[in-house]
Amino acid sequence: MESEALKKLLEAIAIGDLTPEAALEKFKHFNFENVEEFAKIDHHRNIRTGFPEVIWGPGKKPEQIVKIMEVMRQHNPIVMATRIEPEIYEQLQDKVSNLYYYRDAKICVVISGSPREKYEGIITILTAGTADLPVAEEAAVTATLCGFQVKRLWDVGVAGIHRLLSHQQLIREADVLIVVAGMEGALPSVVAGLADSPVIAVPTSVGYGVNLNGLAPLLTMLNSCAPGIGVVNIDNGFGAAILAGQIIRTGNKLANRKNLSIN
């Protein structure tokens, strides 16, 4: 953040030229922080969008990830990096304190204490098969670290539909459902036919032959005849979790607005 710009903003509030609400809107768009020549950290993304910036691991050198984490941890209680392979984590753990690794999700996180739930609402995540777990765990861990209550329901694909139907109560209790599936990608359509909440479909690059690394389930999900389904990109568990979180946050915001108008 540029100190001179912040000073002018505070002075405008002090003399009454700017309301606190208007200042907050301006504050959301303050500048970023450079990390040497390879990164620009957006410290105010949490204020602007509701979620802090997250580090994308692939393509970055371990020493670059370390430097980014050290800058980000000064501003955020939780710093998360996605798609971190085990061998990269081994190089990071000796250089970053309080670093934890979710091996199945391939997520590294710098955190003090356990993640706490900040939002009302339940995100329930389902997988068609065990092979879909890495993507589903990326979604589950992301949502948990962002402060949401998460429930898991694994291996309930359409090849054994009775496994899914035996958990209808869990589906009904969910506020948002994330459905992760490869192969032909039929599970989200079935779940949407049972649920009264939004369904976020996540195609995975799991399948035989012309599965085309996830393109086949992606097209199935996009062509679903069941209403109420949104589709994210192939293997994008992180994006599904953030979208689910935004849906719940919007619901909470609307409920709070209604309560304020009643009071």
C-alpha atoms as a PDB file:
ATOM      1  CA  MET A   1       0.000   0.000   0.000  1.00  0.00           C
ATOM      2  CA  GLU A   2       1.282   3.477  -0.837  1.00  0.00           C
ATOM      3  CA  SER A   3       1.622   5.423   2.433  1.00  0.00           C
ATOM      4  CA  GLU A   4       0.925   8.811   0.830  1.00  0.00           C
ATOM      5  CA  ALA A   5      -2.333   7.588  -0.690  1.00  0.00           C
ATOM      6  CA  LEU A   6      -3.388   6.111   2.635  1.00  0.00           C
ATOM      7  CA  LYS A   7      -2.552   9.370   4.420  1.00  0.00           C
ATOM      8  CA  LYS A   8      -4.728  11.377   2.028  1.00  0.00           C
ATOM      9  CA  LEU A   9      -7.562   8.929   2.480  1.00  0.00           C
ATOM     10  CA  LEU A  10      -7.409   9.184   6.275  1.00  0.00           C
ATOM     11  CA  GLU A  11      -7.246  12.975   6.109  1.00  0.00           C
ATOM     12  CA  ALA A  12     -10.367  13.046   3.929  1.00  0.00           C
ATOM     13  CA  ILE A  13     -12.225  10.963   6.501  1.00  0.00           C
ATOM     14  CA  ALA A  14     -10.991  13.144   9.360  1.00  0.00           C
ATOM     15  CA  ILE A  15     -12.264  16.397   7.850  1.00  0.00           C
ATOM     16  CA  GLY A  16     -15.536  14.860   6.689  1.00  0.00           C
ATOM     17  CA  ASP A  17     -14.903  14.922   2.954  1.00  0.00           C
ATOM     18  CA  LEU A  18     -15.262  11.158   2.788  1.00  0.00           C
ATOM     19  CA  THR A  19     -17.542   8.792   4.667  1.00  0.00           C
ATOM     20  CA  PRO A  20     -16.087   5.634   6.236  1.00  0.00           C
ATOM     21  CA  GLU A  21     -18.178   3.568   3.810  1.00  0.00           C
ATOM     22  CA  ALA A  22     -16.805   5.385   0.778  1.00  0.00           C
ATOM     23  CA  ALA A  23     -13.281   5.097   2.177  1.00  0.00           C
ATOM     24  CA  LEU A  24     -13.678   1.362   2.537  1.00  0.00           C
ATOM     25  CA  GLU A  25     -14.592   1.108  -1.140  1.00  0.00           C
ATOM     26  CA  LYS A  26     -11.443   3.012  -2.059  1.00  0.00           C
ATOM     27  CA  PHE A  27      -9.400   0.944   0.373  1.00  0.00           C
ATOM     28  CA  LYS A  28     -10.403  -2.206  -1.524  1.00  0.00           C
ATOM     29  CA  HIS A  29      -8.408  -1.077  -4.542  1.00  0.00           C
ATOM     30  CA  PHE A  30      -5.119   0.016  -2.988  1.00  0.00           C
ATOM     31  CA  ASN A  31      -1.919  -1.116  -4.574  1.00  0.00           C
ATOM     32  CA  PHE A  32      -0.105  -4.444  -4.354  1.00  0.00           C
ATOM     33  CA  GLU A  33       3.284  -5.386  -2.892  1.00  0.00           C
ATOM     34  CA  ASN A  34       6.194  -6.475  -5.054  1.00  0.00           C
ATOM     35  CA  VAL A  35       8.179  -9.574  -4.143  1.00  0.00           C
ATOM     36  CA  GLU A  36      11.468  -8.938  -5.916  1.00  0.00           C
ATOM     37  CA  GLU A  37      10.838  -9.149  -9.684  1.00  0.00           C
ATOM     38  CA  PHE A  38       8.683 -12.273  -9.870  1.00  0.00           C
ATOM     39  CA  ALA A  39       5.457 -11.616  -7.914  1.00  0.00           C
ATOM     40  CA  LYS A  40       2.984  -8.910  -6.946  1.00  0.00           C
ATOM     41  CA  ILE A  41       0.968  -9.754  -3.831  1.00  0.00           C
ATOM     42  CA  ASP A  42      -2.626  -8.532  -3.670  1.00  0.00           C
ATOM     43  CA  HIS A  43      -3.041  -8.006   0.083  1.00  0.00           C
ATOM     44  CA  HIS A  44      -6.518  -6.520  -0.235  1.00  0.00           C
ATOM     45  CA  ARG A  45      -8.171  -9.294  -2.207  1.00  0.00           C
ATOM     46  CA  ASN A  46      -9.810 -10.550   0.987  1.00  0.00           C
ATOM     47  CA  ILE A  47     -11.512  -7.185   1.511  1.00  0.00           C
ATOM     48  CA  ARG A  48     -12.468  -6.909  -2.154  1.00  0.00           C
ATOM     49  CA  THR A  49     -13.705 -10.447  -2.834  1.00  0.00           C
ATOM     50  CA  GLY A  50     -14.101 -12.126   0.551  1.00  0.00           C
ATOM     51  CA  PHE A  51     -11.172 -14.536   0.105  1.00  0.00           C
ATOM     52  CA  PRO A  52      -7.414 -13.895   0.282  1.00  0.00           C
ATOM     53  CA  GLU A  53      -5.017 -14.534  -2.560  1.00  0.00           C
ATOM     54  CA  VAL A  54      -3.805 -18.135  -2.876  1.00  0.00           C
ATOM     55  CA  ILE A  55      -0.459 -19.274  -4.268  1.00  0.00           C
ATOM     56  CA  TRP A  56      -0.549 -21.425  -7.415  1.00  0.00           C
ATOM     57  CA  GLY A  57       2.335 -23.846  -6.946  1.00  0.00           C
ATOM     58  CA  PRO A  58       3.145 -25.295 -10.412  1.00  0.00           C
ATOM     59  CA  GLY A  59       5.754 -23.366 -12.357  1.00  0.00           C
ATOM     60  CA  LYS A  60       7.179 -21.608  -9.295  1.00  0.00           C
ATOM     61  CA  LYS A  61      10.583 -22.403  -7.833  1.00  0.00           C
ATOM     62  CA  PRO A  62      10.567 -23.508  -4.172  1.00  0.00           C
ATOM     63  CA  GLU A  63      12.560 -20.438  -3.174  1.00  0.00           C
ATOM     64  CA  GLN A  64       9.964 -18.212  -4.868  1.00  0.00           C
ATOM     65  CA  ILE A  65       7.128 -19.906  -2.980  1.00  0.00           C
ATOM     66  CA  VAL A  66       9.033 -19.419   0.278  1.00  0.00           C
ATOM     67  CA  LYS A  67       9.481 -15.683  -0.327  1.00  0.00           C
ATOM     68  CA  ILE A  68       5.838 -15.214  -1.330  1.00  0.00           C
ATOM     69  CA  MET A  69       4.655 -17.074   1.775  1.00  0.00           C
ATOM     70  CA  GLU A  70       6.832 -14.990   4.076  1.00  0.00           C
ATOM     71  CA  VAL A  71       5.373 -11.768   2.657  1.00  0.00           C
ATOM     72  CA  MET A  72       1.782 -12.998   2.716  1.00  0.00           C
ATOM     73  CA  ARG A  73       1.904 -14.347   6.276  1.00  0.00           C
ATOM     74  CA  GLN A  74       2.520 -10.828   7.569  1.00  0.00           C
ATOM     75  CA  HIS A  75      -0.982  -9.894   6.400  1.00  0.00           C
ATOM     76  CA  ASN A  76      -3.000 -13.122   6.588  1.00  0.00           C
ATOM     77  CA  PRO A  77      -3.531 -15.682   9.386  1.00  0.00           C
ATOM     78  CA  ILE A  78      -3.708 -18.420   6.737  1.00  0.00           C
ATOM     79  CA  VAL A  79      -1.500 -18.623   3.648  1.00  0.00           C
ATOM     80  CA  MET A  80      -2.369 -21.388   1.202  1.00  0.00           C
ATOM     81  CA  ALA A  81      -0.506 -22.816  -1.792  1.00  0.00           C
ATOM     82  CA  THR A  82      -2.192 -25.300  -4.143  1.00  0.00           C
ATOM     83  CA  ARG A  83      -0.864 -28.143  -6.338  1.00  0.00           C
ATOM     84  CA  ILE A  84       2.273 -28.615  -4.255  1.00  0.00           C
ATOM     85  CA  GLU A  85       3.905 -31.960  -5.024  1.00  0.00           C
ATOM     86  CA  PRO A  86       5.396 -33.933  -2.093  1.00  0.00           C
ATOM     87  CA  GLU A  87       8.974 -33.338  -3.230  1.00  0.00           C
ATOM     88  CA  ILE A  88       8.347 -29.574  -3.330  1.00  0.00           C
ATOM     89  CA  TYR A  89       6.839 -29.683   0.158  1.00  0.00           C
ATOM     90  CA  GLU A  90       9.979 -31.405   1.430  1.00  0.00           C
ATOM     91  CA  GLN A  91      12.010 -28.465   0.180  1.00  0.00           C
ATOM     92  CA  LEU A  92       9.631 -25.943   1.755  1.00  0.00           C
ATOM     93  CA  GLN A  93       9.166 -27.448   5.207  1.00  0.00           C
ATOM     94  CA  ASP A  94      12.678 -26.649   6.428  1.00  0.00           C
ATOM     95  CA  LYS A  95      12.406 -23.030   5.292  1.00  0.00           C
ATOM     96  CA  VAL A  96       8.875 -22.035   6.352  1.00  0.00           C
ATOM     97  CA  SER A  97       7.729 -22.284   9.972  1.00  0.00           C
ATOM     98  CA  ASN A  98       4.234 -23.536  10.889  1.00  0.00           C
ATOM     99  CA  LEU A  99       3.871 -25.162   7.475  1.00  0.00           C
ATOM    100  CA  TYR A 100       1.360 -27.997   7.145  1.00  0.00           C
ATOM    101  CA  TYR A 101       0.826 -30.272   4.156  1.00  0.00           C
ATOM    102  CA  TYR A 102      -2.458 -31.879   3.116  1.00  0.00           C
ATOM    103  CA  ARG A 103      -0.992 -34.681   1.058  1.00  0.00           C
ATOM    104  CA  ASP A 104      -4.193 -35.898  -0.637  1.00  0.00           C
ATOM    105  CA  ALA A 105      -5.187 -32.354  -1.625  1.00  0.00           C
ATOM    106  CA  LYS A 106      -1.604 -31.296  -2.436  1.00  0.00           C
ATOM    107  CA  ILE A 107      -2.159 -28.100  -0.463  1.00  0.00           C
ATOM    108  CA  CYS A 108       0.464 -26.411   1.709  1.00  0.00           C
ATOM    109  CA  VAL A 109      -0.711 -23.988   4.343  1.00  0.00           C
ATOM    110  CA  VAL A 110       0.964 -21.663   6.826  1.00  0.00           C
ATOM    111  CA  ILE A 111      -1.392 -21.489   9.766  1.00  0.00           C
ATOM    112  CA  SER A 112      -1.396 -20.851  13.498  1.00  0.00           C
ATOM    113  CA  GLY A 113      -3.852 -23.186  15.241  1.00  0.00           C
ATOM    114  CA  SER A 114      -6.754 -25.071  13.676  1.00  0.00           C
ATOM    115  CA  PRO A 115      -9.016 -23.574  10.977  1.00  0.00           C
ATOM    116  CA  ARG A 116     -12.207 -22.231  12.515  1.00  0.00           C
ATOM    117  CA  GLU A 117     -15.659 -22.086  11.003  1.00  0.00           C
ATOM    118  CA  LYS A 118     -16.612 -18.488  10.182  1.00  0.00           C
ATOM    119  CA  TYR A 119     -19.736 -18.983   8.102  1.00  0.00           C
ATOM    120  CA  GLU A 120     -23.092 -20.634   8.580  1.00  0.00           C
ATOM    121  CA  GLY A 121     -24.015 -23.261   6.023  1.00  0.00           C
ATOM    122  CA  ILE A 122     -22.821 -26.689   4.913  1.00  0.00           C
ATOM    123  CA  ILE A 123     -20.799 -27.544   1.817  1.00  0.00           C
ATOM    124  CA  THR A 124     -21.186 -31.243   1.036  1.00  0.00           C
ATOM    125  CA  ILE A 125     -18.737 -32.793  -1.411  1.00  0.00           C
ATOM    126  CA  LEU A 126     -19.437 -36.023  -3.265  1.00  0.00           C
ATOM    127  CA  THR A 127     -17.232 -38.148  -5.507  1.00  0.00           C
ATOM    128  CA  ALA A 128     -18.246 -40.704  -8.084  1.00  0.00           C
ATOM    129  CA  GLY A 129     -15.212 -42.856  -7.288  1.00  0.00           C
ATOM    130  CA  THR A 130     -12.065 -43.133  -5.216  1.00  0.00           C
ATOM    131  CA  ALA A 131      -9.951 -41.958  -8.164  1.00  0.00           C
ATOM    132  CA  ASP A 132     -11.673 -38.559  -7.899  1.00  0.00           C
ATOM    133  CA  LEU A 133     -10.449 -38.005  -4.324  1.00  0.00           C
ATOM    134  CA  PRO A 134      -7.453 -35.727  -5.059  1.00  0.00           C
ATOM    135  CA  VAL A 135      -9.703 -33.136  -6.732  1.00  0.00           C
ATOM    136  CA  ALA A 136     -12.412 -33.561  -4.093  1.00  0.00           C
ATOM    137  CA  GLU A 137      -9.904 -33.165  -1.268  1.00  0.00           C
ATOM    138  CA  GLU A 138      -8.576 -29.989  -2.889  1.00  0.00           C
ATOM    139  CA  ALA A 139     -12.127 -28.641  -2.702  1.00  0.00           C
ATOM    140  CA  ALA A 140     -12.702 -29.898   0.840  1.00  0.00           C
ATOM    141  CA  VAL A 141      -9.463 -28.535   2.272  1.00  0.00           C
ATOM    142  CA  THR A 142      -9.886 -25.197   0.495  1.00  0.00           C
ATOM    143  CA  ALA A 143     -13.408 -24.768   1.853  1.00  0.00           C
ATOM    144  CA  THR A 144     -12.338 -25.757   5.372  1.00  0.00           C
ATOM    145  CA  LEU A 145      -9.406 -23.326   5.388  1.00  0.00           C
ATOM    146  CA  CYS A 146     -11.739 -20.568   4.175  1.00  0.00           C
ATOM    147  CA  GLY A 147     -13.976 -21.115   7.205  1.00  0.00           C
ATOM    148  CA  PHE A 148     -16.805 -23.323   5.933  1.00  0.00           C
ATOM    149  CA  GLN A 149     -18.297 -26.476   7.380  1.00  0.00           C
ATOM    150  CA  VAL A 150     -17.564 -29.385   5.036  1.00  0.00           C
ATOM    151  CA  LYS A 151     -19.072 -32.859   4.825  1.00  0.00           C
ATOM    152  CA  ARG A 152     -17.629 -35.620   2.632  1.00  0.00           C
ATOM    153  CA  LEU A 153     -19.390 -38.425   0.785  1.00  0.00           C
ATOM    154  CA  TRP A 154     -16.989 -40.537  -1.249  1.00  0.00           C
ATOM    155  CA  ASP A 155     -17.477 -43.267  -3.873  1.00  0.00           C
ATOM    156  CA  VAL A 156     -21.206 -42.909  -4.608  1.00  0.00           C
ATOM    157  CA  GLY A 157     -21.143 -42.991  -8.399  1.00  0.00           C
ATOM    158  CA  VAL A 158     -23.966 -44.034 -10.679  1.00  0.00           C
ATOM    159  CA  ALA A 159     -22.501 -47.511 -11.321  1.00  0.00           C
ATOM    160  CA  GLY A 160     -23.876 -48.397  -7.872  1.00  0.00           C
ATOM    161  CA  ILE A 161     -26.721 -45.916  -7.552  1.00  0.00           C
ATOM    162  CA  HIS A 162     -27.977 -47.507  -4.306  1.00  0.00           C
ATOM    163  CA  ARG A 163     -24.866 -46.162  -2.561  1.00  0.00           C
ATOM    164  CA  LEU A 164     -25.948 -42.618  -3.392  1.00  0.00           C
ATOM    165  CA  LEU A 165     -29.626 -43.148  -2.600  1.00  0.00           C
ATOM    166  CA  SER A 166     -28.783 -44.406   0.881  1.00  0.00           C
ATOM    167  CA  HIS A 167     -27.417 -40.928   1.717  1.00  0.00           C
ATOM    168  CA  GLN A 168     -30.342 -38.734   0.633  1.00  0.00           C
ATOM    169  CA  GLN A 169     -30.621 -37.143   4.086  1.00  0.00           C
ATOM    170  CA  LEU A 170     -27.022 -35.888   3.835  1.00  0.00           C
ATOM    171  CA  ILE A 171     -27.803 -34.445   0.404  1.00  0.00           C
ATOM    172  CA  ARG A 172     -30.915 -32.675   1.700  1.00  0.00           C
ATOM    173  CA  GLU A 173     -28.994 -31.126   4.600  1.00  0.00           C
ATOM    174  CA  ALA A 174     -26.438 -29.482   2.316  1.00  0.00           C
ATOM    175  CA  ASP A 175     -26.614 -25.792   1.434  1.00  0.00           C
ATOM    176  CA  VAL A 176     -24.297 -26.233  -1.547  1.00  0.00           C
ATOM    177  CA  LEU A 177     -23.204 -29.506  -3.160  1.00  0.00           C
ATOM    178  CA  ILE A 178     -19.930 -30.048  -4.983  1.00  0.00           C
ATOM    179  CA  VAL A 179     -20.069 -33.189  -7.127  1.00  0.00           C
ATOM    180  CA  VAL A 180     -16.769 -34.515  -8.470  1.00  0.00           C
ATOM    181  CA  ALA A 181     -16.808 -37.129 -11.227  1.00  0.00           C
ATOM    182  CA  GLY A 182     -14.730 -38.492 -14.096  1.00  0.00           C
ATOM    183  CA  MET A 183     -15.586 -41.233 -16.609  1.00  0.00           C
ATOM    184  CA  GLU A 184     -18.867 -40.089 -18.250  1.00  0.00           C
ATOM    185  CA  GLY A 185     -19.610 -37.494 -15.547  1.00  0.00           C
ATOM    186  CA  ALA A 186     -23.245 -38.442 -14.913  1.00  0.00           C
ATOM    187  CA  LEU A 187     -23.299 -38.070 -11.122  1.00  0.00           C
ATOM    188  CA  PRO A 188     -24.047 -34.288 -10.908  1.00  0.00           C
ATOM    189  CA  SER A 189     -27.224 -34.718 -12.964  1.00  0.00           C
ATOM    190  CA  VAL A 190     -28.475 -37.439 -10.641  1.00  0.00           C
ATOM    191  CA  VAL A 191     -27.635 -35.439  -7.520  1.00  0.00           C
ATOM    192  CA  ALA A 192     -29.330 -32.323  -8.918  1.00  0.00           C
ATOM    193  CA  GLY A 193     -32.473 -34.371  -9.362  1.00  0.00           C
ATOM    194  CA  LEU A 194     -32.466 -35.133  -5.631  1.00  0.00           C
ATOM    195  CA  ALA A 195     -31.353 -31.806  -4.167  1.00  0.00           C
ATOM    196  CA  ASP A 196     -32.979 -28.428  -3.537  1.00  0.00           C
ATOM    197  CA  SER A 197     -29.629 -26.629  -3.297  1.00  0.00           C
ATOM    198  CA  PRO A 198     -27.090 -25.484  -5.928  1.00  0.00           C
ATOM    199  CA  VAL A 199     -24.891 -28.195  -7.441  1.00  0.00           C
ATOM    200  CA  ILE A 200     -21.358 -27.383  -8.571  1.00  0.00           C
ATOM    201  CA  ALA A 201     -20.080 -30.049 -10.959  1.00  0.00           C
ATOM    202  CA  VAL A 202     -16.356 -30.768 -11.209  1.00  0.00           C
ATOM    203  CA  PRO A 203     -15.168 -32.989 -14.075  1.00  0.00           C
ATOM    204  CA  THR A 204     -11.966 -34.923 -13.456  1.00  0.00           C
ATOM    205  CA  SER A 205      -9.364 -36.267 -15.856  1.00  0.00           C
ATOM    206  CA  VAL A 206     -10.185 -39.844 -14.813  1.00  0.00           C
ATOM    207  CA  GLY A 207     -11.500 -42.335 -17.346  1.00  0.00           C
ATOM    208  CA  TYR A 208     -10.911 -44.751 -20.193  1.00  0.00           C
ATOM    209  CA  GLY A 209     -10.048 -44.088 -23.832  1.00  0.00           C
ATOM    210  CA  VAL A 210     -11.988 -41.165 -25.253  1.00  0.00           C
ATOM    211  CA  ASN A 211     -12.493 -39.656 -21.839  1.00  0.00           C
ATOM    212  CA  LEU A 212      -9.967 -37.193 -23.381  1.00  0.00           C
ATOM    213  CA  ASN A 213      -8.429 -36.232 -20.026  1.00  0.00           C
ATOM    214  CA  GLY A 214     -11.722 -35.002 -18.620  1.00  0.00           C
ATOM    215  CA  LEU A 215     -13.300 -33.474 -21.706  1.00  0.00           C
ATOM    216  CA  ALA A 216     -15.979 -36.191 -21.873  1.00  0.00           C
ATOM    217  CA  PRO A 217     -17.343 -35.580 -18.324  1.00  0.00           C
ATOM    218  CA  LEU A 218     -17.008 -31.816 -18.849  1.00  0.00           C
ATOM    219  CA  LEU A 219     -19.292 -31.988 -21.891  1.00  0.00           C
ATOM    220  CA  THR A 220     -21.735 -34.279 -20.084  1.00  0.00           C
ATOM    221  CA  MET A 221     -22.002 -31.840 -17.188  1.00  0.00           C
ATOM    222  CA  LEU A 222     -22.412 -28.841 -19.493  1.00  0.00           C
ATOM    223  CA  ASN A 223     -25.165 -30.688 -21.348  1.00  0.00           C
ATOM    224  CA  SER A 224     -27.022 -31.811 -18.224  1.00  0.00           C
ATOM    225  CA  CYS A 225     -30.810 -31.610 -18.412  1.00  0.00           C
ATOM    226  CA  ALA A 226     -31.041 -31.219 -14.625  1.00  0.00           C
ATOM    227  CA  PRO A 227     -31.500 -27.542 -13.626  1.00  0.00           C
ATOM    228  CA  GLY A 228     -29.462 -25.866 -10.935  1.00  0.00           C
ATOM    229  CA  ILE A 229     -26.015 -27.128 -11.998  1.00  0.00           C
ATOM    230  CA  GLY A 230     -22.968 -24.936 -12.506  1.00  0.00           C
ATOM    231  CA  VAL A 231     -19.788 -26.425 -13.967  1.00  0.00           C
ATOM    232  CA  VAL A 232     -16.161 -25.508 -13.283  1.00  0.00           C
ATOM    233  CA  ASN A 233     -13.160 -26.550 -15.323  1.00  0.00           C
ATOM    234  CA  ILE A 234     -11.509 -29.972 -15.345  1.00  0.00           C
ATOM    235  CA  ASP A 235      -9.888 -30.933 -12.010  1.00  0.00           C
ATOM    236  CA  ASN A 236     -10.683 -27.496 -10.539  1.00  0.00           C
ATOM    237  CA  GLY A 237     -11.529 -28.453  -6.970  1.00  0.00           C
ATOM    238  CA  PHE A 238     -10.187 -25.139  -5.694  1.00  0.00           C
ATOM    239  CA  GLY A 239     -12.470 -23.109  -7.950  1.00  0.00           C
ATOM    240  CA  ALA A 240     -15.478 -25.201  -6.948  1.00  0.00           C
ATOM    241  CA  ALA A 241     -14.802 -24.558  -3.264  1.00  0.00           C
ATOM    242  CA  ILE A 242     -14.510 -20.800  -3.744  1.00  0.00           C
ATOM    243  CA  LEU A 243     -17.717 -20.696  -5.788  1.00  0.00           C
ATOM    244  CA  ALA A 244     -19.543 -22.699  -3.109  1.00  0.00           C
ATOM    245  CA  GLY A 245     -18.204 -20.307  -0.496  1.00  0.00           C
ATOM    246  CA  GLN A 246     -19.411 -17.275  -2.434  1.00  0.00           C
ATOM    247  CA  ILE A 247     -22.890 -18.789  -2.705  1.00  0.00           C
ATOM    248  CA  ILE A 248     -23.072 -19.334   1.053  1.00  0.00           C
ATOM    249  CA  ARG A 249     -21.622 -15.901   1.829  1.00  0.00           C
ATOM    250  CA  THR A 250     -24.210 -14.301  -0.437  1.00  0.00           C
ATOM    251  CA  GLY A 251     -26.984 -16.183   1.368  1.00  0.00           C
ATOM    252  CA  ASN A 252     -25.650 -15.042   4.725  1.00  0.00           C
ATOM    253  CA  LYS A 253     -25.392 -11.472   3.470  1.00  0.00           C
ATOM    254  CA  LEU A 254     -28.994 -11.495   2.279  1.00  0.00           C
ATOM    255  CA  ALA A 255     -30.165 -12.940   5.600  1.00  0.00           C
ATOM    256  CA  ASN A 256     -28.276 -10.243   7.527  1.00  0.00           C
ATOM    257  CA  ARG A 257     -29.754  -7.554   5.302  1.00  0.00           C
ATOM    258  CA  LYS A 258     -33.232  -8.894   5.952  1.00  0.00           C
ATOM    259  CA  ASN A 259     -32.646  -8.956   9.712  1.00  0.00           C
ATOM    260  CA  LEU A 260     -31.422  -5.365   9.661  1.00  0.00           C
ATOM    261  CA  SER A 261     -34.494  -4.201   7.768  1.00  0.00           C
ATOM    262  CA  ILE A 262     -36.788  -5.978  10.241  1.00  0.00           C
ATOM    263  CA  ASN A 263     -35.024  -4.462  13.234  1.00  0.00           C
END
